[in-house]
Amino acid sequence: MLDKIYEGNGAETFGLLMSVNAFTVIFLTVSIISFTRKLHTLINMVAAGILYAIGFGMIGIIRIT
């Protein structure tokens, strides 16, 4: 399916997306932890729930052509 969308470069594109995702998670985790360590636990839980809902909701608006 990715080969159709990306005209034969599906494997390369998927690999690039996974690599960017891995680096983003690794580098942003450190800064997010240092920022949220100062906040109250309840605020962290509320923020996590909101971000989770936004991320999960984005699945519903994705269009695959």
PDB file of N, CA and C in Angstrom:
ATOM      1  N   MET A   1       0.811  -1.182   0.000  1.00  0.00           N
ATOM      2  CA  MET A   1       0.000   0.000   0.000  1.00  0.00           C
ATOM      3  C   MET A   1       0.868   1.264   0.000  1.00  0.00           C
ATOM      4  N   LEU A   2       1.945   1.256   0.749  1.00  0.00           N
ATOM      5  CA  LEU A   2       2.832   2.417   0.741  1.00  0.00           C
ATOM      6  C   LEU A   2       3.524   2.577  -0.601  1.00  0.00           C
ATOM      7  N   ASP A   3       3.765   1.459  -1.294  1.00  0.00           N
ATOM      8  CA  ASP A   3       4.370   1.553  -2.617  1.00  0.00           C
ATOM      9  C   ASP A   3       3.462   2.303  -3.578  1.00  0.00           C
ATOM     10  N   LYS A   4       2.160   2.094  -3.454  1.00  0.00           N
ATOM     11  CA  LYS A   4       1.204   2.824  -4.298  1.00  0.00           C
ATOM     12  C   LYS A   4       1.243   4.314  -3.998  1.00  0.00           C
ATOM     13  N   ILE A   5       1.187   4.642  -2.729  1.00  0.00           N
ATOM     14  CA  ILE A   5       1.128   6.047  -2.326  1.00  0.00           C
ATOM     15  C   ILE A   5       2.429   6.770  -2.661  1.00  0.00           C
ATOM     16  N   TYR A   6       3.561   6.125  -2.440  1.00  0.00           N
ATOM     17  CA  TYR A   6       4.852   6.774  -2.619  1.00  0.00           C
ATOM     18  C   TYR A   6       5.585   6.303  -3.864  1.00  0.00           C
ATOM     19  N   GLU A   7       4.864   5.771  -4.824  1.00  0.00           N
ATOM     20  CA  GLU A   7       5.377   5.413  -6.150  1.00  0.00           C
ATOM     21  C   GLU A   7       6.634   4.549  -6.095  1.00  0.00           C
ATOM     22  N   GLY A   8       6.554   3.442  -5.405  1.00  0.00           N
ATOM     23  CA  GLY A   8       7.652   2.489  -5.374  1.00  0.00           C
ATOM     24  C   GLY A   8       8.672   2.715  -4.281  1.00  0.00           C
ATOM     25  N   ASN A   9       8.568   3.775  -3.541  1.00  0.00           N
ATOM     26  CA  ASN A   9       9.516   4.068  -2.463  1.00  0.00           C
ATOM     27  C   ASN A   9       8.902   3.831  -1.094  1.00  0.00           C
ATOM     28  N   GLY A  10       7.946   2.933  -1.012  1.00  0.00           N
ATOM     29  CA  GLY A  10       7.224   2.699   0.236  1.00  0.00           C
ATOM     30  C   GLY A  10       8.114   2.225   1.367  1.00  0.00           C
ATOM     31  N   ALA A  11       9.014   1.289   1.074  1.00  0.00           N
ATOM     32  CA  ALA A  11       9.889   0.750   2.117  1.00  0.00           C
ATOM     33  C   ALA A  11      10.842   1.822   2.641  1.00  0.00           C
ATOM     34  N   GLU A  12      11.396   2.608   1.728  1.00  0.00           N
ATOM     35  CA  GLU A  12      12.300   3.681   2.149  1.00  0.00           C
ATOM     36  C   GLU A  12      11.571   4.726   2.983  1.00  0.00           C
ATOM     37  N   THR A  13      10.387   5.087   2.542  1.00  0.00           N
ATOM     38  CA  THR A  13       9.607   6.095   3.256  1.00  0.00           C
ATOM     39  C   THR A  13       9.197   5.592   4.628  1.00  0.00           C
ATOM     40  N   PHE A  14       8.783   4.334   4.698  1.00  0.00           N
ATOM     41  CA  PHE A  14       8.401   3.760   5.981  1.00  0.00           C
ATOM     42  C   PHE A  14       9.591   3.726   6.931  1.00  0.00           C
ATOM     43  N   GLY A  15      10.746   3.328   6.436  1.00  0.00           N
ATOM     44  CA  GLY A  15      11.955   3.313   7.253  1.00  0.00           C
ATOM     45  C   GLY A  15      12.331   4.696   7.753  1.00  0.00           C
ATOM     46  N   LEU A  16      12.202   5.689   6.879  1.00  0.00           N
ATOM     47  CA  LEU A  16      12.491   7.065   7.272  1.00  0.00           C
ATOM     48  C   LEU A  16      11.514   7.543   8.341  1.00  0.00           C
ATOM     49  N   LEU A  17      10.229   7.252   8.158  1.00  0.00           N
ATOM     50  CA  LEU A  17       9.225   7.642   9.148  1.00  0.00           C
ATOM     51  C   LEU A  17       9.494   6.999  10.502  1.00  0.00           C
ATOM     52  N   MET A  18       9.858   5.731  10.508  1.00  0.00           N
ATOM     53  CA  MET A  18      10.131   5.041  11.765  1.00  0.00           C
ATOM     54  C   MET A  18      11.386   5.596  12.435  1.00  0.00           C
ATOM     55  N   SER A  19      12.395   5.939  11.643  1.00  0.00           N
ATOM     56  CA  SER A  19      13.619   6.511  12.209  1.00  0.00           C
ATOM     57  C   SER A  19      13.369   7.885  12.813  1.00  0.00           C
ATOM     58  N   VAL A  20      12.632   8.721  12.095  1.00  0.00           N
ATOM     59  CA  VAL A  20      12.303  10.051  12.616  1.00  0.00           C
ATOM     60  C   VAL A  20      11.482   9.922  13.891  1.00  0.00           C
ATOM     61  N   ASN A  21      10.539   8.991  13.900  1.00  0.00           N
ATOM     62  CA  ASN A  21       9.720   8.769  15.093  1.00  0.00           C
ATOM     63  C   ASN A  21      10.589   8.344  16.277  1.00  0.00           C
ATOM     64  N   ALA A  22      11.512   7.434  16.052  1.00  0.00           N
ATOM     65  CA  ALA A  22      12.372   6.952  17.137  1.00  0.00           C
ATOM     66  C   ALA A  22      13.216   8.089  17.712  1.00  0.00           C
ATOM     67  N   PHE A  23      13.839   8.878  16.843  1.00  0.00           N
ATOM     68  CA  PHE A  23      14.662   9.993  17.325  1.00  0.00           C
ATOM     69  C   PHE A  23      13.820  11.039  18.049  1.00  0.00           C
ATOM     70  N   THR A  24      12.624  11.292  17.542  1.00  0.00           N
ATOM     71  CA  THR A  24      11.738  12.257  18.191  1.00  0.00           C
ATOM     72  C   THR A  24      11.377  11.796  19.590  1.00  0.00           C
ATOM     73  N   VAL A  25      11.020  10.539  19.720  1.00  0.00           N
ATOM     74  CA  VAL A  25      10.649  10.001  21.032  1.00  0.00           C
ATOM     75  C   VAL A  25      11.830  10.062  21.988  1.00  0.00           C
ATOM     76  N   ILE A  26      12.993   9.652  21.532  1.00  0.00           N
ATOM     77  CA  ILE A  26      14.172   9.618  22.400  1.00  0.00           C
ATOM     78  C   ILE A  26      14.545  11.018  22.885  1.00  0.00           C
ATOM     79  N   PHE A  27      14.610  11.974  21.965  1.00  0.00           N
ATOM     80  CA  PHE A  27      15.074  13.307  22.344  1.00  0.00           C
ATOM     81  C   PHE A  27      14.016  14.125  23.072  1.00  0.00           C
ATOM     82  N   LEU A  28      12.763  13.981  22.702  1.00  0.00           N
ATOM     83  CA  LEU A  28      11.728  14.760  23.378  1.00  0.00           C
ATOM     84  C   LEU A  28      11.377  14.201  24.747  1.00  0.00           C
ATOM     85  N   THR A  29      11.594  12.914  24.955  1.00  0.00           N
ATOM     86  CA  THR A  29      11.289  12.320  26.248  1.00  0.00           C
ATOM     87  C   THR A  29      12.103  12.974  27.357  1.00  0.00           C
ATOM     88  N   VAL A  30      13.362  13.218  27.100  1.00  0.00           N
ATOM     89  CA  VAL A  30      14.234  13.823  28.109  1.00  0.00           C
ATOM     90  C   VAL A  30      13.731  15.215  28.487  1.00  0.00           C
ATOM     91  N   SER A  31      13.401  16.030  27.504  1.00  0.00           N
ATOM     92  CA  SER A  31      12.950  17.391  27.814  1.00  0.00           C
ATOM     93  C   SER A  31      11.563  17.398  28.442  1.00  0.00           C
ATOM     94  N   ILE A  32      10.686  16.512  28.012  1.00  0.00           N
ATOM     95  CA  ILE A  32       9.344  16.445  28.598  1.00  0.00           C
ATOM     96  C   ILE A  32       9.415  15.992  30.054  1.00  0.00           C
ATOM     97  N   ILE A  33      10.262  15.027  30.343  1.00  0.00           N
ATOM     98  CA  ILE A  33      10.402  14.548  31.724  1.00  0.00           C
ATOM     99  C   ILE A  33      10.946  15.657  32.620  1.00  0.00           C
ATOM    100  N   SER A  34      11.933  16.383  32.145  1.00  0.00           N
ATOM    101  CA  SER A  34      12.493  17.452  32.983  1.00  0.00           C
ATOM    102  C   SER A  34      11.478  18.569  33.215  1.00  0.00           C
ATOM    103  N   PHE A  35      10.606  18.833  32.253  1.00  0.00           N
ATOM    104  CA  PHE A  35       9.580  19.865  32.421  1.00  0.00           C
ATOM    105  C   PHE A  35       8.455  19.394  33.334  1.00  0.00           C
ATOM    106  N   THR A  36       7.973  18.180  33.133  1.00  0.00           N
ATOM    107  CA  THR A  36       6.813  17.705  33.891  1.00  0.00           C
ATOM    108  C   THR A  36       7.167  17.275  35.307  1.00  0.00           C
ATOM    109  N   ARG A  37       8.427  17.099  35.592  1.00  0.00           N
ATOM    110  CA  ARG A  37       8.837  16.725  36.945  1.00  0.00           C
ATOM    111  C   ARG A  37       8.463  17.806  37.954  1.00  0.00           C
ATOM    112  N   LYS A  38       8.387  19.042  37.482  1.00  0.00           N
ATOM    113  CA  LYS A  38       8.079  20.171  38.350  1.00  0.00           C
ATOM    114  C   LYS A  38       6.580  20.338  38.587  1.00  0.00           C
ATOM    115  N   LEU A  39       5.743  19.696  37.776  1.00  0.00           N
ATOM    116  CA  LEU A  39       4.297  19.877  37.866  1.00  0.00           C
ATOM    117  C   LEU A  39       3.657  18.860  38.798  1.00  0.00           C
ATOM    118  N   HIS A  40       2.464  19.169  39.241  1.00  0.00           N
ATOM    119  CA  HIS A  40       1.694  18.276  40.104  1.00  0.00           C
ATOM    120  C   HIS A  40       1.257  17.047  39.302  1.00  0.00           C
ATOM    121  N   THR A  41       1.143  15.918  39.967  1.00  0.00           N
ATOM    122  CA  THR A  41       0.801  14.658  39.315  1.00  0.00           C
ATOM    123  C   THR A  41      -0.541  14.727  38.596  1.00  0.00           C
ATOM    124  N   LEU A  42      -1.521  15.359  39.202  1.00  0.00           N
ATOM    125  CA  LEU A  42      -2.840  15.457  38.577  1.00  0.00           C
ATOM    126  C   LEU A  42      -2.781  16.248  37.274  1.00  0.00           C
ATOM    127  N   ILE A  43      -2.003  17.301  37.250  1.00  0.00           N
ATOM    128  CA  ILE A  43      -1.845  18.094  36.025  1.00  0.00           C
ATOM    129  C   ILE A  43      -1.190  17.254  34.938  1.00  0.00           C
ATOM    130  N   ASN A  44      -0.202  16.465  35.311  1.00  0.00           N
ATOM    131  CA  ASN A  44       0.441  15.572  34.350  1.00  0.00           C
ATOM    132  C   ASN A  44      -0.545  14.568  33.774  1.00  0.00           C
ATOM    133  N   MET A  45      -1.389  14.011  34.619  1.00  0.00           N
ATOM    134  CA  MET A  45      -2.373  13.029  34.154  1.00  0.00           C
ATOM    135  C   MET A  45      -3.395  13.667  33.216  1.00  0.00           C
ATOM    136  N   VAL A  46      -3.848  14.861  33.543  1.00  0.00           N
ATOM    137  CA  VAL A  46      -4.812  15.561  32.684  1.00  0.00           C
ATOM    138  C   VAL A  46      -4.178  15.888  31.333  1.00  0.00           C
ATOM    139  N   ALA A  47      -2.967  16.391  31.354  1.00  0.00           N
ATOM    140  CA  ALA A  47      -2.275  16.719  30.105  1.00  0.00           C
ATOM    141  C   ALA A  47      -2.056  15.472  29.262  1.00  0.00           C
ATOM    142  N   ALA A  48      -1.673  14.378  29.898  1.00  0.00           N
ATOM    143  CA  ALA A  48      -1.467  13.126  29.168  1.00  0.00           C
ATOM    144  C   ALA A  48      -2.766  12.640  28.543  1.00  0.00           C
ATOM    145  N   GLY A  49      -3.863  12.737  29.276  1.00  0.00           N
ATOM    146  CA  GLY A  49      -5.154  12.316  28.741  1.00  0.00           C
ATOM    147  C   GLY A  49      -5.590  13.150  27.554  1.00  0.00           C
ATOM    148  N   ILE A  50      -5.378  14.454  27.644  1.00  0.00           N
ATOM    149  CA  ILE A  50      -5.745  15.340  26.535  1.00  0.00           C
ATOM    150  C   ILE A  50      -4.895  15.052  25.301  1.00  0.00           C
ATOM    151  N   LEU A  51      -3.594  14.905  25.495  1.00  0.00           N
ATOM    152  CA  LEU A  51      -2.719  14.607  24.361  1.00  0.00           C
ATOM    153  C   LEU A  51      -3.026  13.243  23.755  1.00  0.00           C
ATOM    154  N   TYR A  52      -3.359  12.277  24.592  1.00  0.00           N
ATOM    155  CA  TYR A  52      -3.739  10.956  24.097  1.00  0.00           C
ATOM    156  C   TYR A  52      -5.005  11.054  23.260  1.00  0.00           C
ATOM    157  N   ALA A  53      -5.994  11.800  23.736  1.00  0.00           N
ATOM    158  CA  ALA A  53      -7.251  11.957  23.002  1.00  0.00           C
ATOM    159  C   ALA A  53      -7.024  12.654  21.663  1.00  0.00           C
ATOM    160  N   ILE A  54      -6.175  13.661  21.652  1.00  0.00           N
ATOM    161  CA  ILE A  54      -5.866  14.352  20.394  1.00  0.00           C
ATOM    162  C   ILE A  54      -5.188  13.396  19.415  1.00  0.00           C
ATOM    163  N   GLY A  55      -4.197  12.654  19.896  1.00  0.00           N
ATOM    164  CA  GLY A  55      -3.501  11.706  19.027  1.00  0.00           C
ATOM    165  C   GLY A  55      -4.404  10.611  18.506  1.00  0.00           C
ATOM    166  N   PHE A  56      -5.251  10.090  19.360  1.00  0.00           N
ATOM    167  CA  PHE A  56      -6.175   9.037  18.939  1.00  0.00           C
ATOM    168  C   PHE A  56      -7.227   9.605  17.994  1.00  0.00           C
ATOM    169  N   GLY A  57      -7.667  10.829  18.247  1.00  0.00           N
ATOM    170  CA  GLY A  57      -8.656  11.460  17.382  1.00  0.00           C
ATOM    171  C   GLY A  57      -8.120  11.764  15.998  1.00  0.00           C
ATOM    172  N   MET A  58      -6.823  11.985  15.897  1.00  0.00           N
ATOM    173  CA  MET A  58      -6.228  12.253  14.591  1.00  0.00           C
ATOM    174  C   MET A  58      -6.329  11.056  13.658  1.00  0.00           C
ATOM    175  N   ILE A  59      -6.431   9.871  14.210  1.00  0.00           N
ATOM    176  CA  ILE A  59      -6.596   8.682  13.378  1.00  0.00           C
ATOM    177  C   ILE A  59      -7.883   8.783  12.571  1.00  0.00           C
ATOM    178  N   GLY A  60      -8.910   9.373  13.163  1.00  0.00           N
ATOM    179  CA  GLY A  60     -10.193   9.500  12.484  1.00  0.00           C
ATOM    180  C   GLY A  60     -10.194  10.486  11.335  1.00  0.00           C
ATOM    181  N   ILE A  61      -9.253  11.424  11.311  1.00  0.00           N
ATOM    182  CA  ILE A  61      -9.255  12.420  10.245  1.00  0.00           C
ATOM    183  C   ILE A  61      -8.217  12.146   9.165  1.00  0.00           C
ATOM    184  N   ILE A  62      -7.471  11.073   9.308  1.00  0.00           N
ATOM    185  CA  ILE A  62      -6.467  10.722   8.305  1.00  0.00           C
ATOM    186  C   ILE A  62      -7.168  10.190   7.066  1.00  0.00           C
ATOM    187  N   ARG A  63      -6.764  10.704   5.917  1.00  0.00           N
ATOM    188  CA  ARG A  63      -7.307  10.213   4.654  1.00  0.00           C
ATOM    189  C   ARG A  63      -6.223   9.432   3.928  1.00  0.00           C
ATOM    190  N   ILE A  64      -6.545   8.229   3.548  1.00  0.00           N
ATOM    191  CA  ILE A  64      -5.624   7.422   2.750  1.00  0.00           C
ATOM    192  C   ILE A  64      -6.183   7.376   1.343  1.00  0.00           C
ATOM    193  N   THR A  65      -5.398   7.861   0.402  1.00  0.00           N
ATOM    194  CA  THR A  65      -5.879   7.911  -0.979  1.00  0.00           C
ATOM    195  C   THR A  65      -5.389   6.749  -1.775  1.00  0.00           C
TER     196      THR A  65
END
